């Protein structure tokens, strides 16, 4: 009995991955084994970096708040301690946006905290 191979499904699976790697550099876009490895590695990086992005944005927000608060003779840690003690429920993302784009509103928050 001849060997039965589902070539249609195999080709479809390869085409799917080669379509995903379109635009990669060199052999990563058209050689099956290289493209498959590059594609899988890309998925690993995207999974990891979705979590890293959250850390990076939090660090950026802290830096922006710190820079905004230093203009009013306070440190970041002092400001966050006082804002929590006052019970002001603004998160770091909102505070950073106020410090960057609405300095008057941020100044009002700082004066409330002081």
Protein backbone atom coordinates (compact mmCIF):
# COMPACT_ATOMS: atom_id res chain seq x y z
CA UNK A 1 0.00 0.00 0.00
CA UNK A 2 1.45 3.39 -0.92
CA UNK A 3 2.36 5.91 1.73
CA UNK A 4 -0.34 8.52 2.29
CA UNK A 5 0.85 12.03 3.02
CA UNK A 6 -1.44 15.01 3.58
CA UNK A 7 0.57 17.38 1.40
CA UNK A 8 -2.27 19.90 1.21
CA UNK A 9 -2.29 20.48 4.98
CA UNK A 10 1.52 20.52 5.20
CA UNK A 11 1.81 23.10 2.44
CA UNK A 12 -0.95 25.22 4.00
CA UNK A 13 0.84 25.15 7.36
CA UNK A 14 4.11 26.24 5.74
CA UNK A 15 2.41 28.94 3.68
CA UNK A 16 0.78 30.34 6.82
CA UNK A 17 4.13 30.78 8.58
CA UNK A 18 5.91 32.08 5.46
CA UNK A 19 3.12 34.65 5.10
CA UNK A 20 3.68 35.76 8.71
CA UNK A 21 7.44 36.15 8.15
CA UNK A 22 7.00 38.29 5.03
CA UNK A 23 9.20 41.34 5.44
CA UNK A 24 11.87 39.65 7.58
CA UNK A 25 15.51 40.07 6.54
CA UNK A 26 17.43 37.55 4.45
CA UNK A 27 16.56 33.86 4.65
CA UNK A 28 14.24 34.45 7.58
CA UNK A 29 11.46 35.27 5.09
CA UNK A 30 11.69 32.43 2.56
CA UNK A 31 13.58 29.40 3.93
CA UNK A 32 11.11 27.22 5.80
CA UNK A 33 13.24 26.10 8.78
CA UNK A 34 14.80 29.52 9.31
CA UNK A 35 11.44 31.27 8.92
CA UNK A 36 9.75 28.89 11.37
CA UNK A 37 12.44 29.52 14.00
CA UNK A 38 12.28 33.30 13.46
CA UNK A 39 8.49 33.25 13.70
CA UNK A 40 8.46 31.24 16.94
CA UNK A 41 11.15 33.44 18.45
CA UNK A 42 9.13 36.51 17.48
CA UNK A 43 6.11 35.13 19.32
CA UNK A 44 8.25 34.56 22.42
CA UNK A 45 9.57 38.12 22.27
CA UNK A 46 6.10 39.60 21.82
CA UNK A 47 4.77 37.63 24.80
CA UNK A 48 7.68 38.75 26.98
CA UNK A 49 7.59 42.36 25.85
CA UNK A 50 3.87 42.80 26.45
CA UNK A 51 4.79 42.46 30.11
CA UNK A 52 7.98 44.53 29.85
CA UNK A 53 6.00 47.38 28.26
CA UNK A 54 3.96 47.77 31.44
CA UNK A 55 7.15 48.11 33.51
CA UNK A 56 8.65 50.61 31.10
CA UNK A 57 5.57 52.83 31.09
CA UNK A 58 5.35 52.82 34.88
CA UNK A 59 9.02 53.89 35.06
CA UNK A 60 8.35 56.64 32.50
CA UNK A 61 5.35 57.92 34.46
CA UNK A 62 7.41 58.02 37.67
CA UNK A 63 10.16 60.01 35.93
CA UNK A 64 7.66 62.51 34.55
CA UNK A 65 5.93 62.97 37.90
CA UNK A 66 9.31 63.38 39.60
CA UNK A 67 10.37 66.03 37.07
CA UNK A 68 7.08 67.89 37.52
CA UNK A 69 7.21 67.75 41.31
CA UNK A 70 10.84 68.90 41.51
CA UNK A 71 9.72 72.23 40.00
CA UNK A 72 7.65 72.68 43.18
CA UNK A 73 10.49 71.80 45.61
CA UNK A 74 9.39 68.25 46.44
CA UNK A 75 10.69 64.79 45.70
CA UNK A 76 8.66 62.05 44.05
CA UNK A 77 8.54 59.85 47.14
CA UNK A 78 7.52 62.77 49.36
CA UNK A 79 4.78 63.72 46.88
CA UNK A 80 3.39 60.18 46.56
CA UNK A 81 3.38 59.74 50.33
CA UNK A 82 1.44 62.96 50.83
CA UNK A 83 -0.98 62.35 47.96
CA UNK A 84 -1.87 58.93 49.39
CA UNK A 85 -2.25 60.37 52.89
CA UNK A 86 -4.63 63.05 51.53
CA UNK A 87 -6.68 60.32 49.84
CA UNK A 88 -6.37 61.72 46.33
CA UNK A 89 -7.09 58.81 44.00
CA UNK A 90 -5.11 59.76 40.88
CA UNK A 91 -2.92 57.03 39.43
CA UNK A 92 0.59 57.55 38.08
CA UNK A 93 -0.57 57.54 34.46
CA UNK A 94 -2.96 60.46 35.05
CA UNK A 95 -0.47 62.37 37.21
CA UNK A 96 2.23 61.99 34.54
CA UNK A 97 -0.17 63.25 31.87
CA UNK A 98 -1.05 66.26 34.03
CA UNK A 99 2.63 66.98 34.68
CA UNK A 100 3.47 66.85 30.97
CA UNK A 101 0.46 68.37 29.23
CA UNK A 102 -1.42 70.37 31.88
CA UNK A 103 1.13 71.99 34.22
CA UNK A 104 -1.46 74.33 35.77
CA UNK A 105 -3.69 71.44 36.81
CA UNK A 106 -0.66 69.55 38.12
CA UNK A 107 0.39 72.60 40.13
CA UNK A 108 -3.07 72.68 41.68
CA UNK A 109 -2.68 69.03 42.73
CA UNK A 110 0.74 69.76 44.24
CA UNK A 111 -0.62 72.75 46.17
CA UNK A 112 -3.48 70.60 47.49
CA UNK A 113 -0.96 68.04 48.70
CA UNK A 114 1.27 70.67 50.33
